[in-house]
Amino acid sequence: MPLLKLDTSVALSDEMKRDLLPKLSSLVAETIGKPEDYVMVAISSSAILMSGKPGDAAFVDIRSIGGLSSNVNQQLSKKICTLLKDSLGLSQDRVFLNFTDMDAANWGWKSSTIG
């Protein structure tokens, strides 16, 4: 159950969101090694101040039941920052990422928990 939540101060049109969602979903599935059927991606607009300075920035929160590791997290960081630079023009030093390996008992789905 990988989840990627992107909060960004970049003004995104609905078309930009529709274009970015599947790219992020497949990137997460491929890199973590989980079926895309279980991946969720959410994009939200946020007011962000980073390093004490205004300007376009992003926070990416990635959670998964297994599949995350130092190597995988490095790959995700590089791939996501590159995609956000290419798609949104975000400088890679204006993107923070958080990786959380979730216990299956702490993830709910279908009126229950996964573990």
PDB file of N, CA and C in Angstrom:
ATOM      1  N   MET A   1       0.825  -1.190   0.000  1.00  0.00           N
ATOM      2  CA  MET A   1       0.000   0.000   0.000  1.00  0.00           C
ATOM      3  C   MET A   1       0.871   1.257   0.000  1.00  0.00           C
ATOM      4  N   PRO A   2       1.681   1.479  -1.016  1.00  0.00           N
ATOM      5  CA  PRO A   2       2.426   2.731  -1.051  1.00  0.00           C
ATOM      6  C   PRO A   2       1.497   3.931  -1.236  1.00  0.00           C
ATOM      7  N   LEU A   3       1.832   4.996  -0.537  1.00  0.00           N
ATOM      8  CA  LEU A   3       1.130   6.270  -0.658  1.00  0.00           C
ATOM      9  C   LEU A   3       2.167   7.344  -0.908  1.00  0.00           C
ATOM     10  N   LEU A   4       1.932   8.164  -1.911  1.00  0.00           N
ATOM     11  CA  LEU A   4       2.758   9.342  -2.145  1.00  0.00           C
ATOM     12  C   LEU A   4       1.856  10.552  -2.054  1.00  0.00           C
ATOM     13  N   LYS A   5       2.172  11.456  -1.129  1.00  0.00           N
ATOM     14  CA  LYS A   5       1.445  12.715  -0.983  1.00  0.00           C
ATOM     15  C   LYS A   5       2.385  13.842  -1.367  1.00  0.00           C
ATOM     16  N   LEU A   6       1.982  14.612  -2.358  1.00  0.00           N
ATOM     17  CA  LEU A   6       2.758  15.757  -2.807  1.00  0.00           C
ATOM     18  C   LEU A   6       2.031  17.027  -2.395  1.00  0.00           C
ATOM     19  N   ASP A   7       2.681  17.825  -1.584  1.00  0.00           N
ATOM     20  CA  ASP A   7       2.193  19.160  -1.249  1.00  0.00           C
ATOM     21  C   ASP A   7       3.142  20.138  -1.925  1.00  0.00           C
ATOM     22  N   THR A   8       2.600  21.053  -2.708  1.00  0.00           N
ATOM     23  CA  THR A   8       3.457  22.002  -3.423  1.00  0.00           C
ATOM     24  C   THR A   8       2.832  23.388  -3.461  1.00  0.00           C
ATOM     25  N   SER A   9       3.711  24.374  -3.518  1.00  0.00           N
ATOM     26  CA  SER A   9       3.253  25.753  -3.663  1.00  0.00           C
ATOM     27  C   SER A   9       3.144  26.156  -5.138  1.00  0.00           C
ATOM     28  N   VAL A  10       3.539  25.263  -6.028  1.00  0.00           N
ATOM     29  CA  VAL A  10       3.397  25.521  -7.467  1.00  0.00           C
ATOM     30  C   VAL A  10       1.911  25.494  -7.822  1.00  0.00           C
ATOM     31  N   ALA A  11       1.459  26.517  -8.521  1.00  0.00           N
ATOM     32  CA  ALA A  11       0.063  26.558  -8.960  1.00  0.00           C
ATOM     33  C   ALA A  11      -0.124  25.524 -10.069  1.00  0.00           C
ATOM     34  N   LEU A  12      -0.920  24.505  -9.781  1.00  0.00           N
ATOM     35  CA  LEU A  12      -1.129  23.417 -10.735  1.00  0.00           C
ATOM     36  C   LEU A  12      -2.534  23.462 -11.315  1.00  0.00           C
ATOM     37  N   SER A  13      -2.610  23.437 -12.614  1.00  0.00           N
ATOM     38  CA  SER A  13      -3.909  23.329 -13.273  1.00  0.00           C
ATOM     39  C   SER A  13      -4.396  21.891 -13.126  1.00  0.00           C
ATOM     40  N   ASP A  14      -5.677  21.672 -13.369  1.00  0.00           N
ATOM     41  CA  ASP A  14      -6.206  20.313 -13.336  1.00  0.00           C
ATOM     42  C   ASP A  14      -5.493  19.424 -14.347  1.00  0.00           C
ATOM     43  N   GLU A  15      -5.159  19.987 -15.502  1.00  0.00           N
ATOM     44  CA  GLU A  15      -4.447  19.218 -16.529  1.00  0.00           C
ATOM     45  C   GLU A  15      -3.055  18.804 -16.041  1.00  0.00           C
ATOM     46  N   MET A  16      -2.367  19.701 -15.360  1.00  0.00           N
ATOM     47  CA  MET A  16      -1.040  19.371 -14.830  1.00  0.00           C
ATOM     48  C   MET A  16      -1.140  18.251 -13.793  1.00  0.00           C
ATOM     49  N   LYS A  17      -2.166  18.314 -12.952  1.00  0.00           N
ATOM     50  CA  LYS A  17      -2.360  17.263 -11.948  1.00  0.00           C
ATOM     51  C   LYS A  17      -2.651  15.925 -12.619  1.00  0.00           C
ATOM     52  N   ARG A  18      -3.546  15.938 -13.616  1.00  0.00           N
ATOM     53  CA  ARG A  18      -3.890  14.700 -14.339  1.00  0.00           C
ATOM     54  C   ARG A  18      -2.665  14.099 -15.019  1.00  0.00           C
ATOM     55  N   ASP A  19      -1.753  14.936 -15.472  1.00  0.00           N
ATOM     56  CA  ASP A  19      -0.534  14.468 -16.122  1.00  0.00           C
ATOM     57  C   ASP A  19       0.466  13.903 -15.110  1.00  0.00           C
ATOM     58  N   LEU A  20       0.554  14.538 -13.965  1.00  0.00           N
ATOM     59  CA  LEU A  20       1.539  14.162 -12.948  1.00  0.00           C
ATOM     60  C   LEU A  20       1.143  12.927 -12.137  1.00  0.00           C
ATOM     61  N   LEU A  21      -0.142  12.763 -11.851  1.00  0.00           N
ATOM     62  CA  LEU A  21      -0.598  11.640 -11.017  1.00  0.00           C
ATOM     63  C   LEU A  21      -0.145  10.271 -11.538  1.00  0.00           C
ATOM     64  N   PRO A  22      -0.405   9.918 -12.808  1.00  0.00           N
ATOM     65  CA  PRO A  22       0.019   8.592 -13.268  1.00  0.00           C
ATOM     66  C   PRO A  22       1.536   8.434 -13.329  1.00  0.00           C
ATOM     67  N   LYS A  23       2.245   9.507 -13.600  1.00  0.00           N
ATOM     68  CA  LYS A  23       3.709   9.432 -13.627  1.00  0.00           C
ATOM     69  C   LYS A  23       4.255   9.104 -12.236  1.00  0.00           C
ATOM     70  N   LEU A  24       3.723   9.774 -11.226  1.00  0.00           N
ATOM     71  CA  LEU A  24       4.159   9.503  -9.858  1.00  0.00           C
ATOM     72  C   LEU A  24       3.762   8.095  -9.423  1.00  0.00           C
ATOM     73  N   SER A  25       2.561   7.671  -9.800  1.00  0.00           N
ATOM     74  CA  SER A  25       2.079   6.348  -9.417  1.00  0.00           C
ATOM     75  C   SER A  25       2.963   5.242  -9.982  1.00  0.00           C
ATOM     76  N   SER A  26       3.264   5.313 -11.264  1.00  0.00           N
ATOM     77  CA  SER A  26       4.090   4.264 -11.865  1.00  0.00           C
ATOM     78  C   SER A  26       5.523   4.325 -11.354  1.00  0.00           C
ATOM     79  N   LEU A  27       6.033   5.526 -11.115  1.00  0.00           N
ATOM     80  CA  LEU A  27       7.384   5.675 -10.570  1.00  0.00           C
ATOM     81  C   LEU A  27       7.488   4.994  -9.205  1.00  0.00           C
ATOM     82  N   VAL A  28       6.503   5.220  -8.343  1.00  0.00           N
ATOM     83  CA  VAL A  28       6.501   4.609  -7.008  1.00  0.00           C
ATOM     84  C   VAL A  28       6.394   3.091  -7.110  1.00  0.00           C
ATOM     85  N   ALA A  29       5.455   2.607  -7.902  1.00  0.00           N
ATOM     86  CA  ALA A  29       5.259   1.163  -8.030  1.00  0.00           C
ATOM     87  C   ALA A  29       6.527   0.476  -8.536  1.00  0.00           C
ATOM     88  N   GLU A  30       7.101   1.010  -9.583  1.00  0.00           N
ATOM     89  CA  GLU A  30       8.293   0.403 -10.169  1.00  0.00           C
ATOM     90  C   GLU A  30       9.482   0.431  -9.216  1.00  0.00           C
ATOM     91  N   THR A  31       9.686   1.551  -8.546  1.00  0.00           N
ATOM     92  CA  THR A  31      10.869   1.695  -7.693  1.00  0.00           C
ATOM     93  C   THR A  31      10.748   0.880  -6.416  1.00  0.00           C
ATOM     94  N   ILE A  32       9.562   0.873  -5.810  1.00  0.00           N
ATOM     95  CA  ILE A  32       9.367   0.102  -4.576  1.00  0.00           C
ATOM     96  C   ILE A  32       9.176  -1.378  -4.879  1.00  0.00           C
ATOM     97  N   GLY A  33       8.673  -1.691  -6.067  1.00  0.00           N
ATOM     98  CA  GLY A  33       8.446  -3.087  -6.421  1.00  0.00           C
ATOM     99  C   GLY A  33       7.110  -3.614  -5.946  1.00  0.00           C
ATOM    100  N   LYS A  34       6.122  -2.729  -5.901  1.00  0.00           N
ATOM    101  CA  LYS A  34       4.762  -3.112  -5.501  1.00  0.00           C
ATOM    102  C   LYS A  34       3.842  -2.958  -6.704  1.00  0.00           C
ATOM    103  N   PRO A  35       2.762  -3.743  -6.776  1.00  0.00           N
ATOM    104  CA  PRO A  35       1.805  -3.573  -7.878  1.00  0.00           C
ATOM    105  C   PRO A  35       1.168  -2.187  -7.830  1.00  0.00           C
ATOM    106  N   GLU A  36       1.024  -1.576  -8.989  1.00  0.00           N
ATOM    107  CA  GLU A  36       0.430  -0.238  -9.041  1.00  0.00           C
ATOM    108  C   GLU A  36      -1.022  -0.248  -8.570  1.00  0.00           C
ATOM    109  N   ASP A  37      -1.670  -1.409  -8.584  1.00  0.00           N
ATOM    110  CA  ASP A  37      -3.039  -1.526  -8.079  1.00  0.00           C
ATOM    111  C   ASP A  37      -3.151  -1.082  -6.618  1.00  0.00           C
ATOM    112  N   TYR A  38      -2.063  -1.121  -5.893  1.00  0.00           N
ATOM    113  CA  TYR A  38      -2.079  -0.770  -4.469  1.00  0.00           C
ATOM    114  C   TYR A  38      -1.529   0.620  -4.184  1.00  0.00           C
ATOM    115  N   VAL A  39      -1.100   1.348  -5.199  1.00  0.00           N
ATOM    116  CA  VAL A  39      -0.483   2.666  -5.011  1.00  0.00           C
ATOM    117  C   VAL A  39      -1.551   3.751  -4.993  1.00  0.00           C
ATOM    118  N   MET A  40      -1.405   4.704  -4.075  1.00  0.00           N
ATOM    119  CA  MET A  40      -2.262   5.895  -4.051  1.00  0.00           C
ATOM    120  C   MET A  40      -1.360   7.117  -4.139  1.00  0.00           C
ATOM    121  N   VAL A  41      -1.774   8.092  -4.948  1.00  0.00           N
ATOM    122  CA  VAL A  41      -1.051   9.350  -5.082  1.00  0.00           C
ATOM    123  C   VAL A  41      -2.043  10.489  -4.854  1.00  0.00           C
ATOM    124  N   ALA A  42      -1.648  11.451  -4.037  1.00  0.00           N
ATOM    125  CA  ALA A  42      -2.484  12.626  -3.779  1.00  0.00           C
ATOM    126  C   ALA A  42      -1.629  13.879  -3.987  1.00  0.00           C
ATOM    127  N   ILE A  43      -2.208  14.875  -4.639  1.00  0.00           N
ATOM    128  CA  ILE A  43      -1.521  16.143  -4.873  1.00  0.00           C
ATOM    129  C   ILE A  43      -2.361  17.254  -4.264  1.00  0.00           C
ATOM    130  N   SER A  44      -1.711  18.090  -3.445  1.00  0.00           N
ATOM    131  CA  SER A  44      -2.401  19.204  -2.789  1.00  0.00           C
ATOM    132  C   SER A  44      -1.593  20.487  -2.944  1.00  0.00           C
ATOM    133  N   SER A  45      -2.318  21.588  -3.007  1.00  0.00           N
ATOM    134  CA  SER A  45      -1.681  22.902  -2.993  1.00  0.00           C
ATOM    135  C   SER A  45      -1.437  23.317  -1.557  1.00  0.00           C
ATOM    136  N   SER A  46      -0.283  23.901  -1.304  1.00  0.00           N
ATOM    137  CA  SER A  46       0.068  24.307   0.051  1.00  0.00           C
ATOM    138  C   SER A  46       0.826  25.621   0.029  1.00  0.00           C
ATOM    139  N   ALA A  47       0.685  26.361   1.113  1.00  0.00           N
ATOM    140  CA  ALA A  47       1.552  27.511   1.337  1.00  0.00           C
ATOM    141  C   ALA A  47       2.811  26.961   1.993  1.00  0.00           C
ATOM    142  N   ILE A  48       3.963  27.174   1.371  1.00  0.00           N
ATOM    143  CA  ILE A  48       5.210  26.610   1.869  1.00  0.00           C
ATOM    144  C   ILE A  48       6.261  27.714   1.981  1.00  0.00           C
ATOM    145  N   LEU A  49       6.920  27.756   3.114  1.00  0.00           N
ATOM    146  CA  LEU A  49       8.091  28.604   3.314  1.00  0.00           C
ATOM    147  C   LEU A  49       9.243  27.646   3.567  1.00  0.00           C
ATOM    148  N   MET A  50      10.276  27.705   2.754  1.00  0.00           N
ATOM    149  CA  MET A  50      11.391  26.766   2.886  1.00  0.00           C
ATOM    150  C   MET A  50      12.687  27.544   3.035  1.00  0.00           C
ATOM    151  N   SER A  51      13.464  27.159   4.014  1.00  0.00           N
ATOM    152  CA  SER A  51      14.749  27.818   4.287  1.00  0.00           C
ATOM    153  C   SER A  51      14.547  29.305   4.565  1.00  0.00           C
ATOM    154  N   GLY A  52      13.388  29.640   5.128  1.00  0.00           N
ATOM    155  CA  GLY A  52      13.095  31.026   5.457  1.00  0.00           C
ATOM    156  C   GLY A  52      12.786  31.887   4.246  1.00  0.00           C
ATOM    157  N   LYS A  53      12.598  31.234   3.090  1.00  0.00           N
ATOM    158  CA  LYS A  53      12.394  31.990   1.861  1.00  0.00           C
ATOM    159  C   LYS A  53      11.116  31.531   1.159  1.00  0.00           C
ATOM    160  N   PRO A  54      10.340  32.496   0.643  1.00  0.00           N
ATOM    161  CA  PRO A  54       9.176  32.114  -0.157  1.00  0.00           C
ATOM    162  C   PRO A  54       9.644  31.595  -1.515  1.00  0.00           C
ATOM    163  N   GLY A  55       8.718  31.089  -2.279  1.00  0.00           N
ATOM    164  CA  GLY A  55       9.030  30.591  -3.616  1.00  0.00           C
ATOM    165  C   GLY A  55       8.514  29.178  -3.778  1.00  0.00           C
ATOM    166  N   ASP A  56       8.522  28.721  -5.000  1.00  0.00           N
ATOM    167  CA  ASP A  56       8.010  27.389  -5.283  1.00  0.00           C
ATOM    168  C   ASP A  56       8.829  26.330  -4.564  1.00  0.00           C
ATOM    169  N   ALA A  57       8.106  25.390  -3.945  1.00  0.00           N
ATOM    170  CA  ALA A  57       8.736  24.311  -3.180  1.00  0.00           C
ATOM    171  C   ALA A  57       7.753  23.152  -3.109  1.00  0.00           C
ATOM    172  N   ALA A  58       8.244  22.024  -2.582  1.00  0.00           N
ATOM    173  CA  ALA A  58       7.375  20.853  -2.446  1.00  0.00           C
ATOM    174  C   ALA A  58       7.820  20.001  -1.264  1.00  0.00           C
ATOM    175  N   PHE A  59       6.829  19.341  -0.678  1.00  0.00           N
ATOM    176  CA  PHE A  59       7.074  18.316   0.340  1.00  0.00           C
ATOM    177  C   PHE A  59       6.439  17.039  -0.183  1.00  0.00           C
ATOM    178  N   VAL A  60       7.210  15.958  -0.212  1.00  0.00           N
ATOM    179  CA  VAL A  60       6.737  14.672  -0.695  1.00  0.00           C
ATOM    180  C   VAL A  60       6.802  13.679   0.454  1.00  0.00           C
ATOM    181  N   ASP A  61       5.668  13.119   0.811  1.00  0.00           N
ATOM    182  CA  ASP A  61       5.561  12.142   1.896  1.00  0.00           C
ATOM    183  C   ASP A  61       5.277  10.785   1.263  1.00  0.00           C
ATOM    184  N   ILE A  62       6.177   9.839   1.470  1.00  0.00           N
ATOM    185  CA  ILE A  62       6.031   8.501   0.904  1.00  0.00           C
ATOM    186  C   ILE A  62       5.937   7.505   2.046  1.00  0.00           C
ATOM    187  N   ARG A  63       4.869   6.723   2.039  1.00  0.00           N
ATOM    188  CA  ARG A  63       4.652   5.700   3.057  1.00  0.00           C
ATOM    189  C   ARG A  63       4.401   4.375   2.364  1.00  0.00           C
ATOM    190  N   SER A  64       4.904   3.304   2.963  1.00  0.00           N
ATOM    191  CA  SER A  64       4.709   1.991   2.368  1.00  0.00           C
ATOM    192  C   SER A  64       4.844   0.921   3.440  1.00  0.00           C
ATOM    193  N   ILE A  65       4.117  -0.162   3.247  1.00  0.00           N
ATOM    194  CA  ILE A  65       4.283  -1.350   4.076  1.00  0.00           C
ATOM    195  C   ILE A  65       5.381  -2.166   3.408  1.00  0.00           C
ATOM    196  N   GLY A  66       6.590  -2.036   3.903  1.00  0.00           N
ATOM    197  CA  GLY A  66       7.726  -2.705   3.289  1.00  0.00           C
ATOM    198  C   GLY A  66       8.105  -2.052   1.973  1.00  0.00           C
ATOM    199  N   GLY A  67       9.219  -2.477   1.439  1.00  0.00           N
ATOM    200  CA  GLY A  67       9.678  -1.980   0.146  1.00  0.00           C
ATOM    201  C   GLY A  67      10.603  -0.791   0.222  1.00  0.00           C
ATOM    202  N   LEU A  68      10.613  -0.082   1.357  1.00  0.00           N
ATOM    203  CA  LEU A  68      11.504   1.068   1.497  1.00  0.00           C
ATOM    204  C   LEU A  68      12.818   0.607   2.135  1.00  0.00           C
ATOM    205  N   SER A  69      13.898   1.191   1.684  1.00  0.00           N
ATOM    206  CA  SER A  69      15.226   0.915   2.227  1.00  0.00           C
ATOM    207  C   SER A  69      16.108   2.098   1.864  1.00  0.00           C
ATOM    208  N   SER A  70      17.292   2.127   2.358  1.00  0.00           N
ATOM    209  CA  SER A  70      18.206   3.219   2.032  1.00  0.00           C
ATOM    210  C   SER A  70      18.385   3.344   0.523  1.00  0.00           C
ATOM    211  N   ASN A  71      18.604   2.227  -0.156  1.00  0.00           N
ATOM    212  CA  ASN A  71      18.810   2.231  -1.601  1.00  0.00           C
ATOM    213  C   ASN A  71      17.542   2.666  -2.346  1.00  0.00           C
ATOM    214  N   VAL A  72      16.415   2.099  -1.979  1.00  0.00           N
ATOM    215  CA  VAL A  72      15.144   2.456  -2.629  1.00  0.00           C
ATOM    216  C   VAL A  72      14.818   3.925  -2.386  1.00  0.00           C
ATOM    217  N   ASN A  73      15.021   4.394  -1.162  1.00  0.00           N
ATOM    218  CA  ASN A  73      14.731   5.793  -0.845  1.00  0.00           C
ATOM    219  C   ASN A  73      15.605   6.747  -1.664  1.00  0.00           C
ATOM    220  N   GLN A  74      16.882   6.375  -1.850  1.00  0.00           N
ATOM    221  CA  GLN A  74      17.772   7.187  -2.689  1.00  0.00           C
ATOM    222  C   GLN A  74      17.246   7.250  -4.121  1.00  0.00           C
ATOM    223  N   GLN A  75      16.821   6.099  -4.636  1.00  0.00           N
ATOM    224  CA  GLN A  75      16.280   6.061  -6.005  1.00  0.00           C
ATOM    225  C   GLN A  75      15.013   6.899  -6.119  1.00  0.00           C
ATOM    226  N   LEU A  76      14.117   6.746  -5.142  1.00  0.00           N
ATOM    227  CA  LEU A  76      12.876   7.527  -5.148  1.00  0.00           C
ATOM    228  C   LEU A  76      13.173   9.020  -5.100  1.00  0.00           C
ATOM    229  N   SER A  77      14.096   9.416  -4.231  1.00  0.00           N
ATOM    230  CA  SER A  77      14.441  10.827  -4.102  1.00  0.00           C
ATOM    231  C   SER A  77      14.940  11.385  -5.427  1.00  0.00           C
ATOM    232  N   LYS A  78      15.842  10.669  -6.067  1.00  0.00           N
ATOM    233  CA  LYS A  78      16.390  11.134  -7.343  1.00  0.00           C
ATOM    234  C   LYS A  78      15.315  11.193  -8.425  1.00  0.00           C
ATOM    235  N   LYS A  79      14.536  10.126  -8.555  1.00  0.00           N
ATOM    236  CA  LYS A  79      13.517  10.071  -9.603  1.00  0.00           C
ATOM    237  C   LYS A  79      12.422  11.112  -9.396  1.00  0.00           C
ATOM    238  N   ILE A  80      11.963  11.269  -8.167  1.00  0.00           N
ATOM    239  CA  ILE A  80      10.892  12.227  -7.885  1.00  0.00           C
ATOM    240  C   ILE A  80      11.384  13.651  -8.080  1.00  0.00           C
ATOM    241  N   CYS A  81      12.572  13.972  -7.576  1.00  0.00           N
ATOM    242  CA  CYS A  81      13.110  15.325  -7.755  1.00  0.00           C
ATOM    243  C   CYS A  81      13.299  15.640  -9.236  1.00  0.00           C
ATOM    244  N   THR A  82      13.766  14.675 -10.002  1.00  0.00           N
ATOM    245  CA  THR A  82      13.936  14.877 -11.445  1.00  0.00           C
ATOM    246  C   THR A  82      12.586  15.109 -12.118  1.00  0.00           C
ATOM    247  N   LEU A  83      11.586  14.305 -11.766  1.00  0.00           N
ATOM    248  CA  LEU A  83      10.253  14.473 -12.342  1.00  0.00           C
ATOM    249  C   LEU A  83       9.663  15.832 -11.987  1.00  0.00           C
ATOM    250  N   LEU A  84       9.807  16.264 -10.740  1.00  0.00           N
ATOM    251  CA  LEU A  84       9.266  17.559 -10.325  1.00  0.00           C
ATOM    252  C   LEU A  84      10.009  18.717 -10.986  1.00  0.00           C
ATOM    253  N   LYS A  85      11.295  18.537 -11.221  1.00  0.00           N
ATOM    254  CA  LYS A  85      12.051  19.566 -11.939  1.00  0.00           C
ATOM    255  C   LYS A  85      11.572  19.650 -13.385  1.00  0.00           C
ATOM    256  N   ASP A  86      11.449  18.485 -14.036  1.00  0.00           N
ATOM    257  CA  ASP A  86      11.037  18.455 -15.443  1.00  0.00           C
ATOM    258  C   ASP A  86       9.581  18.881 -15.639  1.00  0.00           C
ATOM    259  N   SER A  87       8.694  18.476 -14.717  1.00  0.00           N
ATOM    260  CA  SER A  87       7.256  18.745 -14.867  1.00  0.00           C
ATOM    261  C   SER A  87       6.834  20.100 -14.338  1.00  0.00           C
ATOM    262  N   LEU A  88       7.445  20.514 -13.207  1.00  0.00           N
ATOM    263  CA  LEU A  88       6.982  21.727 -12.532  1.00  0.00           C
ATOM    264  C   LEU A  88       8.024  22.836 -12.472  1.00  0.00           C
ATOM    265  N   GLY A  89       9.235  22.532 -12.916  1.00  0.00           N
ATOM    266  CA  GLY A  89      10.303  23.524 -12.851  1.00  0.00           C
ATOM    267  C   GLY A  89      10.859  23.737 -11.462  1.00  0.00           C
ATOM    268  N   LEU A  90      10.609  22.786 -10.558  1.00  0.00           N
ATOM    269  CA  LEU A  90      11.086  22.921  -9.179  1.00  0.00           C
ATOM    270  C   LEU A  90      12.571  22.611  -9.072  1.00  0.00           C
ATOM    271  N   SER A  91      13.306  23.509  -8.446  1.00  0.00           N
ATOM    272  CA  SER A  91      14.709  23.258  -8.169  1.00  0.00           C
ATOM    273  C   SER A  91      14.802  22.126  -7.152  1.00  0.00           C
ATOM    274  N   GLN A  92      15.746  21.219  -7.342  1.00  0.00           N
ATOM    275  CA  GLN A  92      15.848  20.056  -6.467  1.00  0.00           C
ATOM    276  C   GLN A  92      16.182  20.435  -5.029  1.00  0.00           C
ATOM    277  N   ASP A  93      16.738  21.630  -4.807  1.00  0.00           N
ATOM    278  CA  ASP A  93      17.017  22.060  -3.434  1.00  0.00           C
ATOM    279  C   ASP A  93      15.794  22.699  -2.771  1.00  0.00           C
ATOM    280  N   ARG A  94      14.646  22.658  -3.471  1.00  0.00           N
ATOM    281  CA  ARG A  94      13.394  23.179  -2.922  1.00  0.00           C
ATOM    282  C   ARG A  94      12.378  22.047  -2.715  1.00  0.00           C
ATOM    283  N   VAL A  95      12.889  20.808  -2.612  1.00  0.00           N
ATOM    284  CA  VAL A  95      12.026  19.641  -2.416  1.00  0.00           C
ATOM    285  C   VAL A  95      12.529  18.858  -1.206  1.00  0.00           C
ATOM    286  N   PHE A  96      11.664  18.671  -0.231  1.00  0.00           N
ATOM    287  CA  PHE A  96      11.936  17.778   0.901  1.00  0.00           C
ATOM    288  C   PHE A  96      11.115  16.514   0.693  1.00  0.00           C
ATOM    289  N   LEU A  97      11.696  15.376   1.061  1.00  0.00           N
ATOM    290  CA  LEU A  97      11.004  14.092   0.974  1.00  0.00           C
ATOM    291  C   LEU A  97      11.068  13.411   2.324  1.00  0.00           C
ATOM    292  N   ASN A  98      10.006  12.710   2.669  1.00  0.00           N
ATOM    293  CA  ASN A  98       9.944  11.938   3.907  1.00  0.00           C
ATOM    294  C   ASN A  98       9.539  10.510   3.548  1.00  0.00           C
ATOM    295  N   PHE A  99      10.261   9.537   4.091  1.00  0.00           N
ATOM    296  CA  PHE A  99       9.984   8.124   3.829  1.00  0.00           C
ATOM    297  C   PHE A  99       9.599   7.448   5.133  1.00  0.00           C
ATOM    298  N   THR A 100       8.460   6.755   5.133  1.00  0.00           N
ATOM    299  CA  THR A 100       7.995   6.066   6.327  1.00  0.00           C
ATOM    300  C   THR A 100       7.621   4.637   5.979  1.00  0.00           C
ATOM    301  N   ASP A 101       8.296   3.684   6.629  1.00  0.00           N
ATOM    302  CA  ASP A 101       7.964   2.272   6.477  1.00  0.00           C
ATOM    303  C   ASP A 101       6.885   1.972   7.514  1.00  0.00           C
ATOM    304  N   MET A 102       5.688   1.659   7.040  1.00  0.00           N
ATOM    305  CA  MET A 102       4.534   1.478   7.908  1.00  0.00           C
ATOM    306  C   MET A 102       4.372   0.017   8.325  1.00  0.00           C
ATOM    307  N   ASP A 103       3.937  -0.177   9.543  1.00  0.00           N
ATOM    308  CA  ASP A 103       3.535  -1.502  10.002  1.00  0.00           C
ATOM    309  C   ASP A 103       2.142  -1.780   9.437  1.00  0.00           C
ATOM    310  N   ALA A 104       1.924  -2.983   8.941  1.00  0.00           N
ATOM    311  CA  ALA A 104       0.644  -3.329   8.311  1.00  0.00           C
ATOM    312  C   ALA A 104      -0.544  -3.129   9.249  1.00  0.00           C
ATOM    313  N   ALA A 105      -0.335  -3.275  10.549  1.00  0.00           N
ATOM    314  CA  ALA A 105      -1.414  -3.095  11.515  1.00  0.00           C
ATOM    315  C   ALA A 105      -1.824  -1.627  11.641  1.00  0.00           C
ATOM    316  N   ASN A 106      -0.982  -0.718  11.132  1.00  0.00           N
ATOM    317  CA  ASN A 106      -1.261   0.717  11.212  1.00  0.00           C
ATOM    318  C   ASN A 106      -1.774   1.290   9.897  1.00  0.00           C
ATOM    319  N   TRP A 107      -2.241   0.423   9.016  1.00  0.00           N
ATOM    320  CA  TRP A 107      -2.761   0.868   7.730  1.00  0.00           C
ATOM    321  C   TRP A 107      -4.137   0.253   7.526  1.00  0.00           C
ATOM    322  N   GLY A 108      -5.151   1.099   7.391  1.00  0.00           N
ATOM    323  CA  GLY A 108      -6.520   0.609   7.222  1.00  0.00           C
ATOM    324  C   GLY A 108      -6.949   0.591   5.779  1.00  0.00           C
ATOM    325  N   TRP A 109      -7.800  -0.398   5.461  1.00  0.00           N
ATOM    326  CA  TRP A 109      -8.332  -0.530   4.103  1.00  0.00           C
ATOM    327  C   TRP A 109      -9.482  -1.508   4.150  1.00  0.00           C
ATOM    328  N   LYS A 110     -10.532  -1.261   3.393  1.00  0.00           N
ATOM    329  CA  LYS A 110     -11.693  -2.149   3.316  1.00  0.00           C
ATOM    330  C   LYS A 110     -12.288  -2.455   4.686  1.00  0.00           C
ATOM    331  N   SER A 111     -12.470  -1.430   5.493  1.00  0.00           N
ATOM    332  CA  SER A 111     -13.091  -1.546   6.821  1.00  0.00           C
ATOM    333  C   SER A 111     -12.283  -2.392   7.809  1.00  0.00           C
ATOM    334  N   SER A 112     -10.994  -2.533   7.552  1.00  0.00           N
ATOM    335  CA  SER A 112     -10.143  -3.322   8.446  1.00  0.00           C
ATOM    336  C   SER A 112      -8.737  -2.759   8.373  1.00  0.00           C
ATOM    337  N   THR A 113      -7.791  -3.513   8.872  1.00  0.00           N
ATOM    338  CA  THR A 113      -6.396  -3.168   8.695  1.00  0.00           C
ATOM    339  C   THR A 113      -5.739  -4.224   7.814  1.00  0.00           C
ATOM    340  N   ILE A 114      -4.611  -3.891   7.265  1.00  0.00           N
ATOM    341  CA  ILE A 114      -3.942  -4.835   6.376  1.00  0.00           C
ATOM    342  C   ILE A 114      -3.219  -5.930   7.168  1.00  0.00           C
ATOM    343  N   GLY A 115      -2.777  -5.582   8.361  1.00  0.00           N
ATOM    344  CA  GLY A 115      -2.042  -6.580   9.147  1.00  0.00           C
ATOM    345  C   GLY A 115      -2.654  -6.859  10.475  1.00  0.00           C
TER     346      GLY A 115
END
